[in-house]
Amino acid sequence: MILSNLEFIPQKKIVKHIGLVSGSTIRAKHFGSDLMAGLKNMIGGELKGYTDLMNESRQEATDRMIAQATQLGANAIINIRFSTSSVAQGAAELYAYGTAVVVESV
């Protein structure tokens, strides 16, 4: 599967537009990580636990988007975007979406 945040793929011709595909996940960190993040927040620095959580969430949402596109017969997803939102205290949704297409080499 070819993935791109562009509206096209260089040296490829879009021969079929399939439509919107998406994937999402909702994640929460456990209490211990929240406690450590609170302490780190007071002294500054990267919140590694949350960085790891967001990376895992982004990958899971992307994998789900790819699975949907594959099921629909696409070989590429263009114009990919990511969105996050808080759904509850300590829990966030990561949403990946793009346009599934079929491309051929030019």
N, C-alpha and C. Protein backbone atom coordinates (compact mmCIF):
# COMPACT_ATOMS: atom_id res chain seq x y z
N MET A 1 0.86 -1.18 0.00
CA MET A 1 0.00 0.00 0.00
C MET A 1 0.90 1.24 0.00
N ILE A 2 0.64 2.13 -0.94
CA ILE A 2 1.36 3.40 -1.00
C ILE A 2 0.59 4.41 -0.16
N LEU A 3 1.29 5.10 0.73
CA LEU A 3 0.67 6.11 1.59
C LEU A 3 1.28 7.46 1.30
N SER A 4 0.44 8.49 1.21
CA SER A 4 0.94 9.83 0.92
C SER A 4 0.04 10.89 1.55
N ASN A 5 0.68 11.95 2.06
CA ASN A 5 -0.13 13.08 2.52
C ASN A 5 -0.33 14.10 1.42
N LEU A 6 0.21 13.82 0.22
CA LEU A 6 -0.03 14.66 -0.95
C LEU A 6 -1.36 14.27 -1.60
N GLU A 7 -1.85 15.11 -2.50
CA GLU A 7 -3.09 14.81 -3.22
C GLU A 7 -2.83 13.95 -4.45
N PHE A 8 -1.60 13.56 -4.65
CA PHE A 8 -1.20 12.72 -5.78
C PHE A 8 0.05 11.96 -5.37
N ILE A 9 0.47 11.02 -6.21
CA ILE A 9 1.72 10.30 -5.98
C ILE A 9 2.59 10.51 -7.21
N PRO A 10 3.76 11.10 -7.03
CA PRO A 10 4.64 11.36 -8.18
C PRO A 10 4.89 10.09 -9.00
N GLN A 11 4.88 10.25 -10.31
CA GLN A 11 5.10 9.18 -11.28
C GLN A 11 4.03 8.08 -11.22
N LYS A 12 2.88 8.39 -10.67
CA LYS A 12 1.75 7.46 -10.65
C LYS A 12 0.52 8.18 -11.17
N LYS A 13 -0.34 7.44 -11.86
CA LYS A 13 -1.58 7.99 -12.39
C LYS A 13 -2.74 7.35 -11.61
N ILE A 14 -3.62 8.19 -11.11
CA ILE A 14 -4.81 7.68 -10.42
C ILE A 14 -5.78 7.19 -11.48
N VAL A 15 -6.10 5.90 -11.43
CA VAL A 15 -7.01 5.33 -12.43
C VAL A 15 -8.38 5.01 -11.85
N LYS A 16 -8.48 5.02 -10.53
CA LYS A 16 -9.77 4.78 -9.90
C LYS A 16 -9.81 5.47 -8.54
N HIS A 17 -10.88 6.20 -8.31
CA HIS A 17 -11.12 6.86 -7.02
C HIS A 17 -12.10 5.99 -6.25
N ILE A 18 -11.68 5.50 -5.10
CA ILE A 18 -12.55 4.63 -4.30
C ILE A 18 -13.31 5.42 -3.24
N GLY A 19 -12.64 6.32 -2.55
CA GLY A 19 -13.32 7.16 -1.57
C GLY A 19 -12.62 7.21 -0.22
N LEU A 20 -13.31 7.80 0.73
CA LEU A 20 -12.77 8.01 2.06
C LEU A 20 -12.56 6.69 2.79
N VAL A 21 -11.41 6.56 3.41
CA VAL A 21 -11.13 5.43 4.31
C VAL A 21 -10.60 6.01 5.62
N SER A 22 -10.81 5.29 6.70
CA SER A 22 -10.37 5.82 7.99
C SER A 22 -10.08 4.68 8.96
N GLY A 23 -9.40 5.03 10.01
CA GLY A 23 -9.13 4.11 11.10
C GLY A 23 -8.99 4.93 12.37
N SER A 24 -9.39 4.37 13.48
CA SER A 24 -9.26 5.11 14.73
C SER A 24 -8.99 4.16 15.89
N THR A 25 -8.52 4.74 16.96
CA THR A 25 -8.32 4.01 18.20
C THR A 25 -8.49 5.00 19.36
N ILE A 26 -8.97 4.50 20.46
CA ILE A 26 -9.10 5.32 21.67
C ILE A 26 -8.22 4.66 22.72
N ARG A 27 -7.34 5.44 23.30
CA ARG A 27 -6.37 4.90 24.25
C ARG A 27 -6.34 5.73 25.53
N ALA A 28 -5.95 5.07 26.60
CA ALA A 28 -5.73 5.73 27.89
C ALA A 28 -4.48 5.13 28.52
N LYS A 29 -3.74 5.93 29.22
CA LYS A 29 -2.57 5.46 29.96
C LYS A 29 -3.02 5.00 31.34
N HIS A 30 -2.28 4.07 31.92
CA HIS A 30 -2.64 3.60 33.26
C HIS A 30 -2.20 4.60 34.33
N PHE A 31 -2.70 4.42 35.51
CA PHE A 31 -2.50 5.37 36.61
C PHE A 31 -1.03 5.67 36.86
N GLY A 32 -0.18 4.65 36.84
CA GLY A 32 1.25 4.86 37.10
C GLY A 32 1.88 5.81 36.10
N SER A 33 1.53 5.66 34.84
CA SER A 33 2.07 6.57 33.82
C SER A 33 1.54 7.98 34.01
N ASP A 34 0.26 8.10 34.37
CA ASP A 34 -0.32 9.42 34.62
C ASP A 34 0.38 10.11 35.79
N LEU A 35 0.68 9.35 36.84
CA LEU A 35 1.36 9.90 38.00
C LEU A 35 2.74 10.41 37.62
N MET A 36 3.49 9.60 36.87
CA MET A 36 4.83 10.00 36.45
C MET A 36 4.77 11.21 35.50
N ALA A 37 3.77 11.24 34.65
CA ALA A 37 3.61 12.38 33.73
C ALA A 37 3.34 13.65 34.51
N GLY A 38 2.54 13.54 35.56
CA GLY A 38 2.25 14.70 36.40
C GLY A 38 3.51 15.25 37.06
N LEU A 39 4.36 14.36 37.54
CA LEU A 39 5.62 14.78 38.15
C LEU A 39 6.54 15.40 37.09
N LYS A 40 6.63 14.78 35.94
CA LYS A 40 7.48 15.29 34.86
C LYS A 40 6.98 16.66 34.39
N ASN A 41 5.67 16.85 34.41
CA ASN A 41 5.08 18.11 33.98
C ASN A 41 5.54 19.26 34.87
N MET A 42 5.79 18.97 36.14
CA MET A 42 6.23 20.02 37.07
C MET A 42 7.67 20.42 36.82
N ILE A 43 8.52 19.49 36.39
CA ILE A 43 9.93 19.82 36.21
C ILE A 43 10.30 20.04 34.74
N GLY A 44 9.38 19.69 33.84
CA GLY A 44 9.63 19.90 32.42
C GLY A 44 10.26 18.70 31.74
N GLY A 45 10.19 18.68 30.44
CA GLY A 45 10.78 17.60 29.67
C GLY A 45 9.73 16.80 28.92
N GLU A 46 10.21 15.88 28.10
CA GLU A 46 9.32 15.06 27.30
C GLU A 46 8.59 14.04 28.16
N LEU A 47 7.32 13.85 27.89
CA LEU A 47 6.52 12.84 28.57
C LEU A 47 6.59 11.57 27.73
N LYS A 48 7.68 10.78 27.92
CA LYS A 48 7.97 9.62 27.07
C LYS A 48 6.81 8.63 27.00
N GLY A 49 6.15 8.40 28.12
CA GLY A 49 5.03 7.46 28.13
C GLY A 49 3.93 7.89 27.17
N TYR A 50 3.65 9.18 27.14
CA TYR A 50 2.62 9.70 26.25
C TYR A 50 3.10 9.73 24.80
N THR A 51 4.38 10.00 24.59
CA THR A 51 4.94 9.96 23.24
C THR A 51 4.79 8.55 22.68
N ASP A 52 5.16 7.56 23.48
CA ASP A 52 5.04 6.16 23.05
C ASP A 52 3.58 5.80 22.78
N LEU A 53 2.69 6.24 23.65
CA LEU A 53 1.26 5.96 23.49
C LEU A 53 0.74 6.56 22.18
N MET A 54 1.12 7.78 21.86
CA MET A 54 0.65 8.41 20.63
C MET A 54 1.24 7.73 19.40
N ASN A 55 2.50 7.32 19.46
CA ASN A 55 3.10 6.59 18.34
C ASN A 55 2.39 5.27 18.09
N GLU A 56 2.11 4.54 19.16
CA GLU A 56 1.38 3.26 19.04
C GLU A 56 -0.03 3.50 18.49
N SER A 57 -0.69 4.54 18.98
CA SER A 57 -2.05 4.85 18.54
C SER A 57 -2.06 5.25 17.07
N ARG A 58 -1.11 6.07 16.66
CA ARG A 58 -1.03 6.50 15.25
C ARG A 58 -0.83 5.29 14.35
N GLN A 59 0.03 4.35 14.77
CA GLN A 59 0.28 3.17 13.96
C GLN A 59 -0.96 2.28 13.88
N GLU A 60 -1.66 2.11 15.00
CA GLU A 60 -2.87 1.29 14.99
C GLU A 60 -3.96 1.90 14.11
N ALA A 61 -4.17 3.21 14.22
CA ALA A 61 -5.17 3.88 13.38
C ALA A 61 -4.80 3.78 11.91
N THR A 62 -3.51 3.93 11.60
CA THR A 62 -3.05 3.81 10.21
C THR A 62 -3.26 2.39 9.70
N ASP A 63 -2.93 1.39 10.51
CA ASP A 63 -3.13 -0.01 10.11
C ASP A 63 -4.60 -0.30 9.82
N ARG A 64 -5.49 0.25 10.62
CA ARG A 64 -6.93 0.04 10.40
C ARG A 64 -7.39 0.73 9.12
N MET A 65 -6.85 1.91 8.84
CA MET A 65 -7.18 2.62 7.61
C MET A 65 -6.70 1.82 6.40
N ILE A 66 -5.49 1.30 6.48
CA ILE A 66 -4.93 0.49 5.39
C ILE A 66 -5.77 -0.77 5.17
N ALA A 67 -6.19 -1.41 6.24
CA ALA A 67 -7.01 -2.62 6.12
C ALA A 67 -8.32 -2.31 5.40
N GLN A 68 -8.94 -1.18 5.72
CA GLN A 68 -10.18 -0.80 5.05
C GLN A 68 -9.93 -0.54 3.56
N ALA A 69 -8.86 0.17 3.24
CA ALA A 69 -8.54 0.47 1.84
C ALA A 69 -8.24 -0.82 1.06
N THR A 70 -7.51 -1.72 1.68
CA THR A 70 -7.19 -3.00 1.04
C THR A 70 -8.47 -3.79 0.74
N GLN A 71 -9.37 -3.81 1.70
CA GLN A 71 -10.64 -4.52 1.53
C GLN A 71 -11.45 -3.95 0.37
N LEU A 72 -11.31 -2.65 0.11
CA LEU A 72 -12.04 -1.99 -0.97
C LEU A 72 -11.33 -2.08 -2.31
N GLY A 73 -10.13 -2.67 -2.33
CA GLY A 73 -9.40 -2.86 -3.58
C GLY A 73 -8.42 -1.76 -3.94
N ALA A 74 -8.09 -0.89 -3.01
CA ALA A 74 -7.15 0.19 -3.28
C ALA A 74 -5.71 -0.32 -3.20
N ASN A 75 -4.81 0.39 -3.89
CA ASN A 75 -3.39 0.10 -3.73
C ASN A 75 -2.63 1.33 -3.24
N ALA A 76 -3.39 2.40 -2.93
CA ALA A 76 -2.77 3.63 -2.40
C ALA A 76 -3.81 4.42 -1.61
N ILE A 77 -3.30 5.21 -0.68
CA ILE A 77 -4.15 6.17 0.05
C ILE A 77 -3.45 7.50 -0.04
N ILE A 78 -4.17 8.50 -0.54
CA ILE A 78 -3.61 9.84 -0.69
C ILE A 78 -4.28 10.81 0.26
N ASN A 79 -3.65 11.97 0.42
CA ASN A 79 -4.19 13.06 1.24
C ASN A 79 -4.47 12.60 2.67
N ILE A 80 -3.56 11.84 3.25
CA ILE A 80 -3.74 11.29 4.60
C ILE A 80 -3.60 12.40 5.64
N ARG A 81 -4.49 12.37 6.60
CA ARG A 81 -4.48 13.32 7.71
C ARG A 81 -4.70 12.57 9.02
N PHE A 82 -4.27 13.18 10.12
CA PHE A 82 -4.47 12.63 11.46
C PHE A 82 -5.17 13.67 12.31
N SER A 83 -6.00 13.20 13.22
CA SER A 83 -6.71 14.09 14.13
C SER A 83 -6.74 13.43 15.50
N THR A 84 -6.66 14.23 16.53
CA THR A 84 -6.79 13.71 17.90
C THR A 84 -7.87 14.49 18.62
N SER A 85 -8.51 13.82 19.55
CA SER A 85 -9.50 14.49 20.39
C SER A 85 -9.60 13.78 21.72
N SER A 86 -9.93 14.53 22.72
CA SER A 86 -10.12 13.98 24.05
C SER A 86 -11.55 13.45 24.15
N VAL A 87 -11.70 12.20 24.58
CA VAL A 87 -13.04 11.62 24.69
C VAL A 87 -13.47 11.43 26.13
N ALA A 88 -12.51 11.42 27.04
CA ALA A 88 -12.77 11.32 28.48
C ALA A 88 -11.49 11.76 29.17
N GLN A 89 -11.58 12.04 30.46
CA GLN A 89 -10.38 12.44 31.17
C GLN A 89 -9.37 11.28 31.13
N GLY A 90 -8.21 11.56 30.57
CA GLY A 90 -7.17 10.54 30.49
C GLY A 90 -7.27 9.63 29.28
N ALA A 91 -8.24 9.87 28.38
CA ALA A 91 -8.38 9.04 27.19
C ALA A 91 -8.51 9.93 25.96
N ALA A 92 -7.85 9.51 24.88
CA ALA A 92 -7.88 10.29 23.65
C ALA A 92 -8.10 9.38 22.45
N GLU A 93 -8.77 9.93 21.44
CA GLU A 93 -8.97 9.21 20.18
C GLU A 93 -7.95 9.73 19.18
N LEU A 94 -7.36 8.82 18.44
CA LEU A 94 -6.53 9.19 17.31
C LEU A 94 -7.23 8.66 16.08
N TYR A 95 -7.46 9.53 15.11
CA TYR A 95 -8.22 9.23 13.91
C TYR A 95 -7.34 9.48 12.69
N ALA A 96 -7.21 8.49 11.82
CA ALA A 96 -6.45 8.64 10.57
C ALA A 96 -7.44 8.50 9.41
N TYR A 97 -7.31 9.37 8.40
CA TYR A 97 -8.21 9.28 7.26
C TYR A 97 -7.52 9.74 5.99
N GLY A 98 -8.01 9.27 4.87
CA GLY A 98 -7.45 9.64 3.58
C GLY A 98 -8.37 9.17 2.47
N THR A 99 -7.91 9.32 1.23
CA THR A 99 -8.67 8.93 0.07
C THR A 99 -8.04 7.69 -0.55
N ALA A 100 -8.82 6.61 -0.62
CA ALA A 100 -8.35 5.36 -1.22
C ALA A 100 -8.46 5.48 -2.73
N VAL A 101 -7.39 5.07 -3.43
CA VAL A 101 -7.36 5.12 -4.89
C VAL A 101 -6.61 3.90 -5.42
N VAL A 102 -6.75 3.71 -6.73
CA VAL A 102 -5.93 2.73 -7.44
C VAL A 102 -5.02 3.54 -8.35
N VAL A 103 -3.72 3.26 -8.27
CA VAL A 103 -2.75 3.98 -9.09
C VAL A 103 -1.97 3.00 -9.96
N GLU A 104 -1.48 3.54 -11.08
CA GLU A 104 -0.60 2.79 -11.98
C GLU A 104 0.60 3.66 -12.30
N SER A 105 1.72 3.04 -12.61
CA SER A 105 2.91 3.79 -13.02
C SER A 105 2.65 4.48 -14.36
N VAL A 106 3.23 5.68 -14.51
CA VAL A 106 3.08 6.40 -15.77
C VAL A 106 4.18 6.03 -16.74
